[in-house]
Amino acid sequence: MFLLAWLLALAVVLHVPHTQNFYVVTFARFAPMFLAGVLIQLWSDRIPVRRWMIIASVAVLVGSTVLPDYRLLAALPIAYLLIVAGSFIRSPRLRFRNDISYGVYVYAFPVQQSLALFGAWKLGIPAFALLGMLFTIPFAAGSWFGVERFALRWKKARVPATVEHAALTRR
């Protein structure tokens, strides 16, 4: 799937006919980045953290900035660098009990689209980004404190294999 998304992104950059549709272009911009993160996460137990791999990823990232679309080369190195950076967080002060990151992921796009519909884009990128953050955080916090925190308690719950087993353990 990653390879197909990459080929589509390449076709868009090369202006191949029938690839200049808004939806195709949008998909081609975001899919390689998203799927690179998926690949890195899927294989995270097999991908080593090596100094030379970090240096190579940074070099590819920097080199990709001269391309018409940096994503063609940088998608996997960016995903790798982000996962590696997250694994280096060792300080207990940087490990929070409350995690609103998923809520930010879920709500940022609809909040930003709503702000754009109301004309906030006219304020410029810095102000628009700040407004996006200010309006997204309450939704993300509400999601964490209202749903996610409670749902994670069930994460390690074991479901009995059979109804008979469940009945036997309740006696």
N, C-alpha and C. Protein backbone atom coordinates (compact mmCIF):
# COMPACT_ATOMS: atom_id res chain seq x y z
N MET A 1 0.83 -1.19 0.00
CA MET A 1 0.00 0.00 0.00
C MET A 1 0.88 1.26 0.00
N PHE A 2 1.95 1.20 0.81
CA PHE A 2 2.87 2.35 0.84
C PHE A 2 3.45 2.59 -0.54
N LEU A 3 3.85 1.53 -1.21
CA LEU A 3 4.44 1.67 -2.55
C LEU A 3 3.43 2.28 -3.53
N LEU A 4 2.19 1.86 -3.46
CA LEU A 4 1.17 2.43 -4.35
C LEU A 4 0.96 3.92 -4.06
N ALA A 5 0.90 4.28 -2.78
CA ALA A 5 0.75 5.70 -2.42
C ALA A 5 1.95 6.50 -2.89
N TRP A 6 3.15 5.91 -2.77
CA TRP A 6 4.36 6.59 -3.21
C TRP A 6 4.34 6.79 -4.73
N LEU A 7 3.93 5.77 -5.46
CA LEU A 7 3.86 5.89 -6.92
C LEU A 7 2.83 6.94 -7.34
N LEU A 8 1.72 7.01 -6.63
CA LEU A 8 0.72 8.03 -6.93
C LEU A 8 1.28 9.42 -6.65
N ALA A 9 1.99 9.57 -5.54
CA ALA A 9 2.61 10.87 -5.23
C ALA A 9 3.61 11.25 -6.30
N LEU A 10 4.38 10.29 -6.79
CA LEU A 10 5.33 10.55 -7.87
C LEU A 10 4.60 10.98 -9.14
N ALA A 11 3.49 10.31 -9.45
CA ALA A 11 2.72 10.67 -10.64
C ALA A 11 2.17 12.09 -10.53
N VAL A 12 1.75 12.48 -9.35
CA VAL A 12 1.25 13.85 -9.15
C VAL A 12 2.36 14.86 -9.35
N VAL A 13 3.53 14.58 -8.79
CA VAL A 13 4.67 15.49 -8.92
C VAL A 13 5.09 15.61 -10.38
N LEU A 14 5.03 14.52 -11.12
CA LEU A 14 5.43 14.52 -12.53
C LEU A 14 4.31 14.99 -13.45
N HIS A 15 3.18 15.36 -12.89
CA HIS A 15 2.02 15.86 -13.65
C HIS A 15 1.54 14.86 -14.68
N VAL A 16 1.49 13.60 -14.29
CA VAL A 16 0.94 12.57 -15.16
C VAL A 16 -0.55 12.88 -15.36
N PRO A 17 -1.04 12.77 -16.61
CA PRO A 17 -2.47 13.07 -16.85
C PRO A 17 -3.38 12.27 -15.93
N HIS A 18 -4.48 12.86 -15.57
CA HIS A 18 -5.52 12.27 -14.71
C HIS A 18 -5.10 12.16 -13.25
N THR A 19 -3.98 12.75 -12.88
CA THR A 19 -3.60 12.73 -11.46
C THR A 19 -3.70 14.11 -10.84
N GLN A 20 -4.27 15.07 -11.55
CA GLN A 20 -4.33 16.42 -11.02
C GLN A 20 -5.69 16.76 -10.41
N ASN A 21 -6.48 15.75 -10.16
CA ASN A 21 -7.75 15.90 -9.46
C ASN A 21 -7.48 16.28 -8.01
N PHE A 22 -8.29 17.15 -7.44
CA PHE A 22 -8.09 17.61 -6.06
C PHE A 22 -7.96 16.45 -5.07
N TYR A 23 -8.84 15.47 -5.19
CA TYR A 23 -8.83 14.35 -4.24
C TYR A 23 -7.61 13.46 -4.42
N VAL A 24 -7.22 13.26 -5.65
CA VAL A 24 -6.02 12.46 -5.93
C VAL A 24 -4.79 13.17 -5.39
N VAL A 25 -4.69 14.47 -5.64
CA VAL A 25 -3.54 15.24 -5.16
C VAL A 25 -3.50 15.24 -3.63
N THR A 26 -4.64 15.44 -3.01
CA THR A 26 -4.69 15.45 -1.54
C THR A 26 -4.30 14.10 -0.98
N PHE A 27 -4.83 13.03 -1.56
CA PHE A 27 -4.47 11.69 -1.11
C PHE A 27 -2.97 11.45 -1.30
N ALA A 28 -2.45 11.88 -2.44
CA ALA A 28 -1.03 11.67 -2.73
C ALA A 28 -0.13 12.45 -1.77
N ARG A 29 -0.62 13.56 -1.24
CA ARG A 29 0.18 14.34 -0.29
C ARG A 29 0.22 13.67 1.08
N PHE A 30 -0.91 13.15 1.53
CA PHE A 30 -0.99 12.67 2.91
C PHE A 30 -0.75 11.17 3.07
N ALA A 31 -1.12 10.37 2.10
CA ALA A 31 -1.01 8.92 2.23
C ALA A 31 0.41 8.42 2.48
N PRO A 32 1.42 8.88 1.73
CA PRO A 32 2.77 8.36 2.01
C PRO A 32 3.24 8.66 3.44
N MET A 33 2.90 9.84 3.96
CA MET A 33 3.32 10.18 5.32
C MET A 33 2.61 9.29 6.34
N PHE A 34 1.31 9.15 6.19
CA PHE A 34 0.53 8.33 7.11
C PHE A 34 0.99 6.87 7.05
N LEU A 35 1.13 6.34 5.84
CA LEU A 35 1.50 4.94 5.69
C LEU A 35 2.95 4.68 6.12
N ALA A 36 3.82 5.67 6.01
CA ALA A 36 5.18 5.51 6.52
C ALA A 36 5.14 5.31 8.03
N GLY A 37 4.32 6.10 8.71
CA GLY A 37 4.15 5.92 10.16
C GLY A 37 3.59 4.55 10.49
N VAL A 38 2.65 4.08 9.68
CA VAL A 38 2.07 2.75 9.89
C VAL A 38 3.15 1.68 9.74
N LEU A 39 3.95 1.79 8.68
CA LEU A 39 5.02 0.81 8.46
C LEU A 39 6.02 0.78 9.60
N ILE A 40 6.45 1.95 10.02
CA ILE A 40 7.43 2.02 11.11
C ILE A 40 6.84 1.42 12.39
N GLN A 41 5.58 1.73 12.67
CA GLN A 41 4.95 1.18 13.86
C GLN A 41 4.79 -0.33 13.76
N LEU A 42 4.37 -0.83 12.59
CA LEU A 42 4.19 -2.27 12.42
C LEU A 42 5.49 -3.04 12.62
N TRP A 43 6.57 -2.48 12.15
CA TRP A 43 7.86 -3.17 12.22
C TRP A 43 8.76 -2.61 13.31
N SER A 44 8.20 -1.88 14.25
CA SER A 44 9.02 -1.22 15.27
C SER A 44 9.84 -2.21 16.10
N ASP A 45 9.36 -3.43 16.25
CA ASP A 45 10.12 -4.42 17.03
C ASP A 45 11.29 -4.98 16.24
N ARG A 46 11.34 -4.73 14.92
CA ARG A 46 12.43 -5.24 14.10
C ARG A 46 13.37 -4.15 13.59
N ILE A 47 12.99 -2.90 13.80
CA ILE A 47 13.80 -1.80 13.28
C ILE A 47 14.74 -1.33 14.39
N PRO A 48 16.03 -1.45 14.19
CA PRO A 48 16.97 -1.04 15.24
C PRO A 48 17.15 0.48 15.30
N VAL A 49 17.53 0.94 16.46
CA VAL A 49 17.89 2.35 16.63
C VAL A 49 19.41 2.39 16.59
N ARG A 50 19.93 2.88 15.50
CA ARG A 50 21.38 2.97 15.31
C ARG A 50 21.74 4.39 14.95
N ARG A 51 22.89 4.82 15.43
CA ARG A 51 23.35 6.18 15.15
C ARG A 51 23.46 6.43 13.65
N TRP A 52 23.99 5.49 12.90
CA TRP A 52 24.16 5.69 11.46
C TRP A 52 22.80 5.80 10.77
N MET A 53 21.77 5.08 11.28
CA MET A 53 20.43 5.17 10.69
C MET A 53 19.80 6.53 10.97
N ILE A 54 20.07 7.07 12.15
CA ILE A 54 19.56 8.41 12.49
C ILE A 54 20.23 9.45 11.59
N ILE A 55 21.55 9.36 11.44
CA ILE A 55 22.29 10.30 10.59
C ILE A 55 21.82 10.19 9.14
N ALA A 56 21.65 8.97 8.66
CA ALA A 56 21.18 8.77 7.28
C ALA A 56 19.77 9.34 7.09
N SER A 57 18.91 9.14 8.07
CA SER A 57 17.54 9.67 7.98
C SER A 57 17.55 11.19 7.94
N VAL A 58 18.37 11.81 8.77
CA VAL A 58 18.48 13.28 8.76
C VAL A 58 19.02 13.74 7.42
N ALA A 59 20.02 13.05 6.89
CA ALA A 59 20.62 13.43 5.60
C ALA A 59 19.58 13.34 4.47
N VAL A 60 18.80 12.26 4.46
CA VAL A 60 17.77 12.11 3.43
C VAL A 60 16.71 13.19 3.60
N LEU A 61 16.35 13.49 4.83
CA LEU A 61 15.36 14.54 5.08
C LEU A 61 15.85 15.89 4.57
N VAL A 62 17.07 16.23 4.91
CA VAL A 62 17.64 17.51 4.45
C VAL A 62 17.75 17.52 2.92
N GLY A 63 18.22 16.43 2.35
CA GLY A 63 18.36 16.35 0.90
C GLY A 63 17.03 16.43 0.17
N SER A 64 15.97 15.95 0.80
CA SER A 64 14.66 15.95 0.14
C SER A 64 14.05 17.34 0.02
N THR A 65 14.61 18.30 0.73
CA THR A 65 14.04 19.66 0.68
C THR A 65 14.25 20.34 -0.66
N VAL A 66 15.14 19.81 -1.50
CA VAL A 66 15.36 20.40 -2.81
C VAL A 66 14.43 19.81 -3.87
N LEU A 67 13.67 18.79 -3.51
CA LEU A 67 12.75 18.15 -4.45
C LEU A 67 11.44 18.94 -4.55
N PRO A 68 10.72 18.74 -5.63
CA PRO A 68 9.41 19.39 -5.74
C PRO A 68 8.44 18.94 -4.64
N ASP A 69 8.59 17.72 -4.17
CA ASP A 69 7.78 17.21 -3.07
C ASP A 69 8.68 16.37 -2.16
N TYR A 70 9.02 16.93 -1.01
CA TYR A 70 9.95 16.27 -0.10
C TYR A 70 9.43 14.91 0.37
N ARG A 71 8.13 14.71 0.34
CA ARG A 71 7.54 13.47 0.86
C ARG A 71 8.01 12.24 0.11
N LEU A 72 8.38 12.41 -1.14
CA LEU A 72 8.80 11.26 -1.95
C LEU A 72 9.97 10.51 -1.31
N LEU A 73 10.89 11.26 -0.74
CA LEU A 73 12.04 10.62 -0.09
C LEU A 73 11.96 10.66 1.43
N ALA A 74 11.28 11.64 1.98
CA ALA A 74 11.38 11.88 3.42
C ALA A 74 10.33 11.18 4.26
N ALA A 75 9.31 10.58 3.67
CA ALA A 75 8.23 9.99 4.47
C ALA A 75 8.75 8.96 5.47
N LEU A 76 9.49 7.98 5.01
CA LEU A 76 10.01 6.96 5.93
C LEU A 76 11.05 7.51 6.91
N PRO A 77 12.01 8.32 6.46
CA PRO A 77 12.95 8.88 7.43
C PRO A 77 12.28 9.74 8.50
N ILE A 78 11.27 10.51 8.14
CA ILE A 78 10.57 11.32 9.15
C ILE A 78 9.88 10.42 10.16
N ALA A 79 9.19 9.40 9.68
CA ALA A 79 8.51 8.47 10.60
C ALA A 79 9.52 7.80 11.52
N TYR A 80 10.64 7.37 10.96
CA TYR A 80 11.68 6.73 11.77
C TYR A 80 12.21 7.69 12.83
N LEU A 81 12.52 8.92 12.42
CA LEU A 81 13.07 9.90 13.36
C LEU A 81 12.08 10.23 14.47
N LEU A 82 10.81 10.32 14.15
CA LEU A 82 9.81 10.63 15.18
C LEU A 82 9.67 9.49 16.19
N ILE A 83 9.66 8.26 15.70
CA ILE A 83 9.56 7.11 16.61
C ILE A 83 10.81 7.01 17.47
N VAL A 84 11.97 7.21 16.87
CA VAL A 84 13.23 7.17 17.63
C VAL A 84 13.27 8.29 18.67
N ALA A 85 12.86 9.49 18.27
CA ALA A 85 12.85 10.61 19.22
C ALA A 85 11.95 10.30 20.40
N GLY A 86 10.80 9.70 20.14
CA GLY A 86 9.89 9.33 21.23
C GLY A 86 10.48 8.28 22.14
N SER A 87 11.30 7.39 21.60
CA SER A 87 11.89 6.34 22.43
C SER A 87 13.01 6.87 23.33
N PHE A 88 13.52 8.05 23.02
CA PHE A 88 14.59 8.62 23.83
C PHE A 88 14.08 9.39 25.05
N ILE A 89 12.78 9.56 25.16
CA ILE A 89 12.23 10.28 26.31
C ILE A 89 12.33 9.38 27.54
N ARG A 90 13.22 9.73 28.42
CA ARG A 90 13.47 8.92 29.62
C ARG A 90 13.06 9.66 30.90
N SER A 91 12.98 10.95 30.84
CA SER A 91 12.69 11.74 32.02
C SER A 91 11.26 11.49 32.50
N PRO A 92 11.10 11.15 33.77
CA PRO A 92 9.74 10.97 34.31
C PRO A 92 8.91 12.25 34.21
N ARG A 93 9.56 13.40 34.21
CA ARG A 93 8.83 14.66 34.09
C ARG A 93 8.19 14.82 32.72
N LEU A 94 8.71 14.12 31.72
CA LEU A 94 8.16 14.21 30.37
C LEU A 94 7.16 13.09 30.05
N ARG A 95 6.93 12.22 31.02
CA ARG A 95 5.95 11.14 30.84
C ARG A 95 4.70 11.52 31.63
N PHE A 96 3.68 11.90 30.91
CA PHE A 96 2.48 12.42 31.54
C PHE A 96 1.46 11.32 31.80
N ARG A 97 0.72 11.45 32.90
CA ARG A 97 -0.34 10.50 33.21
C ARG A 97 -1.53 10.69 32.28
N ASN A 98 -1.79 11.92 31.93
CA ASN A 98 -2.91 12.24 31.06
C ASN A 98 -2.39 12.52 29.66
N ASP A 99 -2.97 11.84 28.67
CA ASP A 99 -2.47 11.91 27.31
C ASP A 99 -3.58 12.35 26.37
N ILE A 100 -3.53 13.60 25.94
CA ILE A 100 -4.57 14.11 25.05
C ILE A 100 -4.16 14.01 23.57
N SER A 101 -3.05 13.32 23.29
CA SER A 101 -2.54 13.29 21.91
C SER A 101 -3.52 12.69 20.93
N TYR A 102 -4.21 11.63 21.31
CA TYR A 102 -5.17 11.02 20.38
C TYR A 102 -6.32 11.98 20.09
N GLY A 103 -6.78 12.67 21.12
CA GLY A 103 -7.84 13.66 20.92
C GLY A 103 -7.40 14.79 20.00
N VAL A 104 -6.14 15.20 20.14
CA VAL A 104 -5.61 16.23 19.23
C VAL A 104 -5.61 15.69 17.81
N TYR A 105 -5.18 14.45 17.65
CA TYR A 105 -5.17 13.81 16.33
C TYR A 105 -6.57 13.76 15.73
N VAL A 106 -7.55 13.41 16.54
CA VAL A 106 -8.92 13.25 16.04
C VAL A 106 -9.60 14.59 15.77
N TYR A 107 -9.42 15.56 16.67
CA TYR A 107 -10.21 16.79 16.60
C TYR A 107 -9.52 17.95 15.86
N ALA A 108 -8.22 17.91 15.66
CA ALA A 108 -7.53 19.05 15.05
C ALA A 108 -8.07 19.35 13.65
N PHE A 109 -8.24 18.34 12.83
CA PHE A 109 -8.69 18.59 11.46
C PHE A 109 -10.08 19.21 11.42
N PRO A 110 -11.09 18.62 12.10
CA PRO A 110 -12.41 19.26 12.03
C PRO A 110 -12.43 20.66 12.64
N VAL A 111 -11.66 20.88 13.69
CA VAL A 111 -11.60 22.22 14.29
C VAL A 111 -10.98 23.20 13.30
N GLN A 112 -9.88 22.82 12.66
CA GLN A 112 -9.23 23.71 11.70
C GLN A 112 -10.14 23.99 10.50
N GLN A 113 -10.86 22.98 10.05
CA GLN A 113 -11.77 23.19 8.93
C GLN A 113 -12.90 24.14 9.32
N SER A 114 -13.39 24.00 10.55
CA SER A 114 -14.44 24.89 11.04
C SER A 114 -13.92 26.33 11.14
N LEU A 115 -12.72 26.48 11.66
CA LEU A 115 -12.13 27.82 11.74
C LEU A 115 -11.97 28.43 10.35
N ALA A 116 -11.55 27.62 9.41
CA ALA A 116 -11.38 28.11 8.03
C ALA A 116 -12.72 28.54 7.44
N LEU A 117 -13.77 27.77 7.72
CA LEU A 117 -15.09 28.13 7.21
C LEU A 117 -15.57 29.47 7.77
N PHE A 118 -15.16 29.76 9.01
CA PHE A 118 -15.55 31.02 9.63
C PHE A 118 -14.58 32.16 9.29
N GLY A 119 -13.60 31.90 8.41
CA GLY A 119 -12.73 32.95 7.92
C GLY A 119 -11.46 33.19 8.71
N ALA A 120 -11.13 32.30 9.64
CA ALA A 120 -9.93 32.50 10.45
C ALA A 120 -8.65 32.42 9.61
N TRP A 121 -8.73 31.83 8.43
CA TRP A 121 -7.55 31.73 7.56
C TRP A 121 -7.05 33.12 7.16
N LYS A 122 -7.92 34.11 7.20
CA LYS A 122 -7.54 35.48 6.82
C LYS A 122 -6.57 36.10 7.82
N LEU A 123 -6.47 35.51 9.02
CA LEU A 123 -5.60 36.05 10.06
C LEU A 123 -4.12 35.71 9.83
N GLY A 124 -3.84 34.83 8.91
CA GLY A 124 -2.46 34.40 8.64
C GLY A 124 -2.17 33.07 9.32
N ILE A 125 -1.10 32.45 8.89
CA ILE A 125 -0.77 31.10 9.37
C ILE A 125 -0.49 31.06 10.87
N PRO A 126 0.35 31.93 11.44
CA PRO A 126 0.61 31.83 12.88
C PRO A 126 -0.66 31.98 13.74
N ALA A 127 -1.48 32.96 13.43
CA ALA A 127 -2.70 33.17 14.20
C ALA A 127 -3.68 32.01 14.00
N PHE A 128 -3.77 31.53 12.77
CA PHE A 128 -4.65 30.40 12.48
C PHE A 128 -4.20 29.15 13.24
N ALA A 129 -2.89 28.90 13.26
CA ALA A 129 -2.36 27.74 13.99
C ALA A 129 -2.62 27.88 15.49
N LEU A 130 -2.42 29.06 16.02
CA LEU A 130 -2.67 29.28 17.45
C LEU A 130 -4.14 29.07 17.78
N LEU A 131 -5.02 29.61 16.97
CA LEU A 131 -6.46 29.40 17.19
C LEU A 131 -6.81 27.92 17.09
N GLY A 132 -6.21 27.24 16.13
CA GLY A 132 -6.45 25.80 15.98
C GLY A 132 -6.08 25.05 17.24
N MET A 133 -4.93 25.39 17.81
CA MET A 133 -4.50 24.73 19.05
C MET A 133 -5.43 25.07 20.20
N LEU A 134 -5.75 26.35 20.33
CA LEU A 134 -6.60 26.78 21.44
C LEU A 134 -7.98 26.14 21.41
N PHE A 135 -8.53 25.94 20.21
CA PHE A 135 -9.86 25.34 20.10
C PHE A 135 -9.81 23.82 20.10
N THR A 136 -8.68 23.22 19.73
CA THR A 136 -8.58 21.76 19.70
C THR A 136 -8.35 21.19 21.10
N ILE A 137 -7.54 21.83 21.90
CA ILE A 137 -7.17 21.29 23.22
C ILE A 137 -8.38 21.00 24.10
N PRO A 138 -9.39 21.85 24.18
CA PRO A 138 -10.54 21.48 25.02
C PRO A 138 -11.25 20.21 24.53
N PHE A 139 -11.38 20.04 23.22
CA PHE A 139 -12.00 18.82 22.71
C PHE A 139 -11.14 17.60 23.04
N ALA A 140 -9.83 17.74 22.86
CA ALA A 140 -8.91 16.63 23.14
C ALA A 140 -8.94 16.27 24.62
N ALA A 141 -8.93 17.26 25.47
CA ALA A 141 -8.97 17.01 26.92
C ALA A 141 -10.30 16.37 27.30
N GLY A 142 -11.39 16.85 26.71
CA GLY A 142 -12.70 16.24 26.99
C GLY A 142 -12.74 14.79 26.57
N SER A 143 -12.13 14.49 25.43
CA SER A 143 -12.07 13.12 24.94
C SER A 143 -11.27 12.24 25.91
N TRP A 144 -10.13 12.74 26.39
CA TRP A 144 -9.31 11.97 27.32
C TRP A 144 -10.03 11.74 28.64
N PHE A 145 -10.49 12.82 29.25
CA PHE A 145 -11.08 12.71 30.58
C PHE A 145 -12.49 12.11 30.55
N GLY A 146 -13.18 12.20 29.41
CA GLY A 146 -14.53 11.68 29.34
C GLY A 146 -14.68 10.28 28.78
N VAL A 147 -13.70 9.86 27.94
CA VAL A 147 -13.85 8.57 27.26
C VAL A 147 -12.59 7.71 27.36
N GLU A 148 -11.48 8.22 26.83
CA GLU A 148 -10.28 7.40 26.63
C GLU A 148 -9.72 6.83 27.92
N ARG A 149 -9.63 7.65 28.94
CA ARG A 149 -9.04 7.21 30.21
C ARG A 149 -9.80 6.02 30.77
N PHE A 150 -11.12 6.05 30.68
CA PHE A 150 -11.93 4.95 31.18
C PHE A 150 -11.84 3.74 30.27
N ALA A 151 -11.79 3.97 28.97
CA ALA A 151 -11.70 2.88 28.01
C ALA A 151 -10.38 2.12 28.16
N LEU A 152 -9.30 2.82 28.48
CA LEU A 152 -8.00 2.16 28.62
C LEU A 152 -7.96 1.20 29.81
N ARG A 153 -8.84 1.39 30.76
CA ARG A 153 -8.89 0.46 31.90
C ARG A 153 -9.29 -0.94 31.44
N TRP A 154 -10.04 -1.03 30.35
CA TRP A 154 -10.49 -2.31 29.83
C TRP A 154 -9.46 -2.95 28.92
N LYS A 155 -8.40 -2.24 28.63
CA LYS A 155 -7.40 -2.71 27.66
C LYS A 155 -6.83 -4.08 28.04
N LYS A 156 -6.53 -4.27 29.32
CA LYS A 156 -5.91 -5.52 29.74
C LYS A 156 -6.92 -6.51 30.32
N ALA A 157 -8.19 -6.17 30.25
CA ALA A 157 -9.22 -7.08 30.77
C ALA A 157 -9.26 -8.34 29.91
N ARG A 158 -9.41 -9.45 30.56
CA ARG A 158 -9.48 -10.73 29.87
C ARG A 158 -10.94 -11.14 29.73
N VAL A 159 -11.31 -11.51 28.53
CA VAL A 159 -12.65 -12.00 28.29
C VAL A 159 -12.59 -13.52 28.45
N PRO A 160 -13.48 -14.09 29.25
CA PRO A 160 -13.46 -15.55 29.42
C PRO A 160 -13.61 -16.26 28.07
N ALA A 161 -12.91 -17.39 27.94
CA ALA A 161 -12.93 -18.12 26.68
C ALA A 161 -14.33 -18.69 26.39
N THR A 162 -15.04 -19.11 27.41
CA THR A 162 -16.38 -19.67 27.21
C THR A 162 -17.30 -19.17 28.30
N VAL A 163 -18.57 -19.31 28.03
CA VAL A 163 -19.57 -18.93 29.03
C VAL A 163 -19.45 -19.86 30.23
N GLU A 164 -19.17 -21.14 29.98
CA GLU A 164 -19.02 -22.11 31.06
C GLU A 164 -17.86 -21.71 31.97
N HIS A 165 -16.74 -21.29 31.39
CA HIS A 165 -15.59 -20.84 32.16
C HIS A 165 -15.96 -19.64 33.04
N ALA A 166 -16.70 -18.71 32.46
CA ALA A 166 -17.12 -17.53 33.20
C ALA A 166 -18.01 -17.91 34.37
N ALA A 167 -18.91 -18.87 34.16
CA ALA A 167 -19.79 -19.31 35.23
C ALA A 167 -19.01 -19.99 36.34
N LEU A 168 -18.00 -20.76 35.98
CA LEU A 168 -17.21 -21.47 36.98
C LEU A 168 -16.38 -20.51 37.82
N THR A 169 -15.89 -19.45 37.23
CA THR A 169 -15.04 -18.53 37.97
C THR A 169 -15.84 -17.61 38.89
N ARG A 170 -17.13 -17.53 38.70
CA ARG A 170 -17.96 -16.65 39.54
C ARG A 170 -18.44 -17.37 40.80
N ARG A 171 -18.30 -18.65 40.89
CA ARG A 171 -18.78 -19.40 42.07
C ARG A 171 -17.89 -19.25 43.23
